[in-house]
Amino acid sequence: MSEIQQNELRAQIEQLRSQLTGDMFADMETRDKIHNLEMQLNGTKPGGQYIDCVGCGS
């Protein structure tokens, strides 16, 4: 993954974090998006993969 792609993912994560309200139920979808982006950033999941996490079944 290029540095530009990593920076784009980090920017998306920060933008999503700014939307968090502190309400667990209201934030669930946003936190899921953050988690998926972090997995791509950390190389845990290849980009574009349908199944997010084989281990936990997310």
PDB file of N, CA and C in Angstrom:
ATOM      1  N   MET A   1       0.852  -1.167   0.000  1.00  0.00           N
ATOM      2  CA  MET A   1       0.000   0.000   0.000  1.00  0.00           C
ATOM      3  C   MET A   1       0.900   1.234   0.000  1.00  0.00           C
ATOM      4  N   SER A   2       0.587   2.172  -0.854  1.00  0.00           N
ATOM      5  CA  SER A   2       1.419   3.364  -0.967  1.00  0.00           C
ATOM      6  C   SER A   2       1.166   4.326   0.201  1.00  0.00           C
ATOM      7  N   GLU A   3       2.098   5.244   0.367  1.00  0.00           N
ATOM      8  CA  GLU A   3       1.986   6.262   1.424  1.00  0.00           C
ATOM      9  C   GLU A   3       0.735   7.116   1.215  1.00  0.00           C
ATOM     10  N   ILE A   4       0.413   7.404  -0.041  1.00  0.00           N
ATOM     11  CA  ILE A   4      -0.776   8.212  -0.352  1.00  0.00           C
ATOM     12  C   ILE A   4      -2.043   7.479   0.075  1.00  0.00           C
ATOM     13  N   GLN A   5      -2.105   6.175  -0.216  1.00  0.00           N
ATOM     14  CA  GLN A   5      -3.261   5.376   0.182  1.00  0.00           C
ATOM     15  C   GLN A   5      -3.383   5.313   1.703  1.00  0.00           C
ATOM     16  N   GLN A   6      -2.256   5.156   2.386  1.00  0.00           N
ATOM     17  CA  GLN A   6      -2.273   5.118   3.848  1.00  0.00           C
ATOM     18  C   GLN A   6      -2.768   6.435   4.416  1.00  0.00           C
ATOM     19  N   ASN A   7      -2.315   7.542   3.851  1.00  0.00           N
ATOM     20  CA  ASN A   7      -2.762   8.856   4.320  1.00  0.00           C
ATOM     21  C   ASN A   7      -4.247   9.061   4.069  1.00  0.00           C
ATOM     22  N   GLU A   8      -4.750   8.559   2.946  1.00  0.00           N
ATOM     23  CA  GLU A   8      -6.174   8.662   2.653  1.00  0.00           C
ATOM     24  C   GLU A   8      -6.994   7.864   3.664  1.00  0.00           C
ATOM     25  N   LEU A   9      -6.526   6.660   3.998  1.00  0.00           N
ATOM     26  CA  LEU A   9      -7.220   5.845   4.992  1.00  0.00           C
ATOM     27  C   LEU A   9      -7.204   6.530   6.358  1.00  0.00           C
ATOM     28  N   ARG A  10      -6.054   7.080   6.740  1.00  0.00           N
ATOM     29  CA  ARG A  10      -5.968   7.788   8.027  1.00  0.00           C
ATOM     30  C   ARG A  10      -6.925   8.982   8.068  1.00  0.00           C
ATOM     31  N   ALA A  11      -7.028   9.712   6.959  1.00  0.00           N
ATOM     32  CA  ALA A  11      -7.926  10.861   6.887  1.00  0.00           C
ATOM     33  C   ALA A  11      -9.378  10.411   7.013  1.00  0.00           C
ATOM     34  N   GLN A  12      -9.726   9.299   6.370  1.00  0.00           N
ATOM     35  CA  GLN A  12     -11.086   8.775   6.477  1.00  0.00           C
ATOM     36  C   GLN A  12     -11.394   8.354   7.906  1.00  0.00           C
ATOM     37  N   ILE A  13     -10.429   7.715   8.558  1.00  0.00           N
ATOM     38  CA  ILE A  13     -10.616   7.279   9.946  1.00  0.00           C
ATOM     39  C   ILE A  13     -10.831   8.483  10.851  1.00  0.00           C
ATOM     40  N   GLU A  14     -10.018   9.503  10.701  1.00  0.00           N
ATOM     41  CA  GLU A  14     -10.161  10.707  11.533  1.00  0.00           C
ATOM     42  C   GLU A  14     -11.494  11.404  11.286  1.00  0.00           C
ATOM     43  N   GLN A  15     -11.936  11.435  10.031  1.00  0.00           N
ATOM     44  CA  GLN A  15     -13.210  12.059   9.708  1.00  0.00           C
ATOM     45  C   GLN A  15     -14.352  11.286  10.371  1.00  0.00           C
ATOM     46  N   LEU A  16     -14.277   9.955  10.341  1.00  0.00           N
ATOM     47  CA  LEU A  16     -15.302   9.136  10.987  1.00  0.00           C
ATOM     48  C   LEU A  16     -15.255   9.301  12.505  1.00  0.00           C
ATOM     49  N   ARG A  17     -14.061   9.359  13.079  1.00  0.00           N
ATOM     50  CA  ARG A  17     -13.948   9.541  14.537  1.00  0.00           C
ATOM     51  C   ARG A  17     -14.574  10.857  14.988  1.00  0.00           C
ATOM     52  N   SER A  18     -14.502  11.866  14.139  1.00  0.00           N
ATOM     53  CA  SER A  18     -15.092  13.159  14.501  1.00  0.00           C
ATOM     54  C   SER A  18     -16.613  13.084  14.553  1.00  0.00           C
ATOM     55  N   GLN A  19     -17.199  12.043  13.978  1.00  0.00           N
ATOM     56  CA  GLN A  19     -18.648  11.880  13.960  1.00  0.00           C
ATOM     57  C   GLN A  19     -19.171  11.090  15.162  1.00  0.00           C
ATOM     58  N   LEU A  20     -18.282  10.499  15.949  1.00  0.00           N
ATOM     59  CA  LEU A  20     -18.716   9.691  17.086  1.00  0.00           C
ATOM     60  C   LEU A  20     -19.417  10.559  18.127  1.00  0.00           C
ATOM     61  N   THR A  21     -20.512  10.014  18.668  1.00  0.00           N
ATOM     62  CA  THR A  21     -21.328  10.763  19.619  1.00  0.00           C
ATOM     63  C   THR A  21     -21.113  10.337  21.066  1.00  0.00           C
ATOM     64  N   GLY A  22     -20.548   9.149  21.256  1.00  0.00           N
ATOM     65  CA  GLY A  22     -20.412   8.617  22.609  1.00  0.00           C
ATOM     66  C   GLY A  22     -21.538   7.660  22.952  1.00  0.00           C
ATOM     67  N   ASP A  23     -22.570   7.591  22.122  1.00  0.00           N
ATOM     68  CA  ASP A  23     -23.687   6.667  22.293  1.00  0.00           C
ATOM     69  C   ASP A  23     -23.335   5.377  21.557  1.00  0.00           C
ATOM     70  N   MET A  24     -23.145   4.307  22.295  1.00  0.00           N
ATOM     71  CA  MET A  24     -22.683   3.049  21.731  1.00  0.00           C
ATOM     72  C   MET A  24     -23.563   2.593  20.570  1.00  0.00           C
ATOM     73  N   PHE A  25     -24.856   2.674  20.723  1.00  0.00           N
ATOM     74  CA  PHE A  25     -25.754   2.174  19.685  1.00  0.00           C
ATOM     75  C   PHE A  25     -25.769   3.085  18.469  1.00  0.00           C
ATOM     76  N   ALA A  26     -25.730   4.373  18.671  1.00  0.00           N
ATOM     77  CA  ALA A  26     -25.711   5.318  17.559  1.00  0.00           C
ATOM     78  C   ALA A  26     -24.384   5.246  16.810  1.00  0.00           C
ATOM     79  N   ASP A  27     -23.307   4.921  17.504  1.00  0.00           N
ATOM     80  CA  ASP A  27     -21.967   4.899  16.909  1.00  0.00           C
ATOM     81  C   ASP A  27     -21.583   3.552  16.306  1.00  0.00           C
ATOM     82  N   MET A  28     -22.424   2.556  16.453  1.00  0.00           N
ATOM     83  CA  MET A  28     -22.054   1.196  16.049  1.00  0.00           C
ATOM     84  C   MET A  28     -21.634   1.124  14.580  1.00  0.00           C
ATOM     85  N   GLU A  29     -22.396   1.684  13.681  1.00  0.00           N
ATOM     86  CA  GLU A  29     -22.070   1.617  12.253  1.00  0.00           C
ATOM     87  C   GLU A  29     -20.777   2.378  11.946  1.00  0.00           C
ATOM     88  N   THR A  30     -20.620   3.539  12.561  1.00  0.00           N
ATOM     89  CA  THR A  30     -19.415   4.337  12.343  1.00  0.00           C
ATOM     90  C   THR A  30     -18.195   3.608  12.873  1.00  0.00           C
ATOM     91  N   ARG A  31     -18.308   3.005  14.049  1.00  0.00           N
ATOM     92  CA  ARG A  31     -17.183   2.252  14.614  1.00  0.00           C
ATOM     93  C   ARG A  31     -16.829   1.046  13.744  1.00  0.00           C
ATOM     94  N   ASP A  32     -17.824   0.426  13.132  1.00  0.00           N
ATOM     95  CA  ASP A  32     -17.565  -0.693  12.233  1.00  0.00           C
ATOM     96  C   ASP A  32     -16.777  -0.218  11.021  1.00  0.00           C
ATOM     97  N   LYS A  33     -17.135   0.931  10.469  1.00  0.00           N
ATOM     98  CA  LYS A  33     -16.403   1.487   9.329  1.00  0.00           C
ATOM     99  C   LYS A  33     -14.965   1.811   9.717  1.00  0.00           C
ATOM    100  N   ILE A  34     -14.785   2.385  10.912  1.00  0.00           N
ATOM    101  CA  ILE A  34     -13.440   2.705  11.401  1.00  0.00           C
ATOM    102  C   ILE A  34     -12.623   1.419  11.529  1.00  0.00           C
ATOM    103  N   HIS A  35     -13.223   0.404  12.101  1.00  0.00           N
ATOM    104  CA  HIS A  35     -12.541  -0.883  12.284  1.00  0.00           C
ATOM    105  C   HIS A  35     -12.100  -1.464  10.944  1.00  0.00           C
ATOM    106  N   ASN A  36     -12.980  -1.431   9.949  1.00  0.00           N
ATOM    107  CA  ASN A  36     -12.649  -1.968   8.632  1.00  0.00           C
ATOM    108  C   ASN A  36     -11.507  -1.183   7.987  1.00  0.00           C
ATOM    109  N   LEU A  37     -11.526   0.135   8.116  1.00  0.00           N
ATOM    110  CA  LEU A  37     -10.451   0.956   7.556  1.00  0.00           C
ATOM    111  C   LEU A  37      -9.132   0.695   8.271  1.00  0.00           C
ATOM    112  N   GLU A  38      -9.187   0.527   9.595  1.00  0.00           N
ATOM    113  CA  GLU A  38      -7.968   0.239  10.362  1.00  0.00           C
ATOM    114  C   GLU A  38      -7.388  -1.116   9.968  1.00  0.00           C
ATOM    115  N   MET A  39      -8.246  -2.093   9.692  1.00  0.00           N
ATOM    116  CA  MET A  39      -7.750  -3.406   9.255  1.00  0.00           C
ATOM    117  C   MET A  39      -7.044  -3.278   7.914  1.00  0.00           C
ATOM    118  N   GLN A  40      -7.583  -2.477   7.000  1.00  0.00           N
ATOM    119  CA  GLN A  40      -6.920  -2.263   5.719  1.00  0.00           C
ATOM    120  C   GLN A  40      -5.585  -1.554   5.929  1.00  0.00           C
ATOM    121  N   LEU A  41      -5.571  -0.539   6.784  1.00  0.00           N
ATOM    122  CA  LEU A  41      -4.367   0.233   7.042  1.00  0.00           C
ATOM    123  C   LEU A  41      -3.267  -0.627   7.653  1.00  0.00           C
ATOM    124  N   ASN A  42      -3.649  -1.530   8.541  1.00  0.00           N
ATOM    125  CA  ASN A  42      -2.682  -2.383   9.232  1.00  0.00           C
ATOM    126  C   ASN A  42      -2.348  -3.651   8.464  1.00  0.00           C
ATOM    127  N   GLY A  43      -2.979  -3.853   7.307  1.00  0.00           N
ATOM    128  CA  GLY A  43      -2.709  -5.044   6.516  1.00  0.00           C
ATOM    129  C   GLY A  43      -3.377  -6.293   7.033  1.00  0.00           C
ATOM    130  N   THR A  44      -4.346  -6.129   7.921  1.00  0.00           N
ATOM    131  CA  THR A  44      -5.065  -7.267   8.470  1.00  0.00           C
ATOM    132  C   THR A  44      -6.016  -7.852   7.444  1.00  0.00           C
ATOM    133  N   LYS A  45      -6.533  -6.989   6.576  1.00  0.00           N
ATOM    134  CA  LYS A  45      -7.488  -7.405   5.567  1.00  0.00           C
ATOM    135  C   LYS A  45      -7.122  -6.759   4.239  1.00  0.00           C
ATOM    136  N   PRO A  46      -7.034  -7.543   3.188  1.00  0.00           N
ATOM    137  CA  PRO A  46      -6.776  -6.938   1.885  1.00  0.00           C
ATOM    138  C   PRO A  46      -7.941  -6.049   1.475  1.00  0.00           C
ATOM    139  N   GLY A  47      -7.664  -4.922   0.862  1.00  0.00           N
ATOM    140  CA  GLY A  47      -8.700  -4.019   0.407  1.00  0.00           C
ATOM    141  C   GLY A  47      -9.640  -4.694  -0.569  1.00  0.00           C
ATOM    142  N   GLY A  48     -10.935  -4.413  -0.460  1.00  0.00           N
ATOM    143  CA  GLY A  48     -11.916  -4.970  -1.365  1.00  0.00           C
ATOM    144  C   GLY A  48     -12.376  -6.372  -1.022  1.00  0.00           C
ATOM    145  N   GLN A  49     -11.876  -6.925   0.052  1.00  0.00           N
ATOM    146  CA  GLN A  49     -12.288  -8.265   0.446  1.00  0.00           C
ATOM    147  C   GLN A  49     -13.681  -8.205   1.037  1.00  0.00           C
ATOM    148  N   TYR A  50     -14.550  -9.125   0.638  1.00  0.00           N
ATOM    149  CA  TYR A  50     -15.938  -9.119   1.121  1.00  0.00           C
ATOM    150  C   TYR A  50     -16.002  -9.488   2.603  1.00  0.00           C
ATOM    151  N   ILE A  51     -15.308 -10.542   3.000  1.00  0.00           N
ATOM    152  CA  ILE A  51     -15.321 -10.963   4.400  1.00  0.00           C
ATOM    153  C   ILE A  51     -14.291 -10.151   5.145  1.00  0.00           C
ATOM    154  N   ASP A  52     -14.735  -9.419   6.175  1.00  0.00           N
ATOM    155  CA  ASP A  52     -13.850  -8.518   6.890  1.00  0.00           C
ATOM    156  C   ASP A  52     -12.851  -9.252   7.768  1.00  0.00           C
ATOM    157  N   CYS A  53     -13.311 -10.237   8.502  1.00  0.00           N
ATOM    158  CA  CYS A  53     -12.436 -10.905   9.458  1.00  0.00           C
ATOM    159  C   CYS A  53     -12.802 -12.376   9.539  1.00  0.00           C
ATOM    160  N   VAL A  54     -11.936 -13.221   9.070  1.00  0.00           N
ATOM    161  CA  VAL A  54     -12.233 -14.650   9.073  1.00  0.00           C
ATOM    162  C   VAL A  54     -12.295 -15.183  10.496  1.00  0.00           C
ATOM    163  N   GLY A  55     -11.419 -14.684  11.375  1.00  0.00           N
ATOM    164  CA  GLY A  55     -11.344 -15.189  12.743  1.00  0.00           C
ATOM    165  C   GLY A  55     -12.591 -14.933  13.558  1.00  0.00           C
ATOM    166  N   CYS A  56     -13.165 -13.720  13.433  1.00  0.00           N
ATOM    167  CA  CYS A  56     -14.322 -13.400  14.267  1.00  0.00           C
ATOM    168  C   CYS A  56     -15.617 -13.422  13.471  1.00  0.00           C
ATOM    169  N   GLY A  57     -15.543 -13.553  12.143  1.00  0.00           N
ATOM    170  CA  GLY A  57     -16.741 -13.643  11.325  1.00  0.00           C
ATOM    171  C   GLY A  57     -17.439 -12.336  11.083  1.00  0.00           C
ATOM    172  N   SER A  58     -16.785 -11.217  11.348  1.00  0.00           N
ATOM    173  CA  SER A  58     -17.402  -9.903  11.133  1.00  0.00           C
ATOM    174  C   SER A  58     -17.740  -9.701   9.676  1.00  0.00           C
TER     175      SER A  58
END
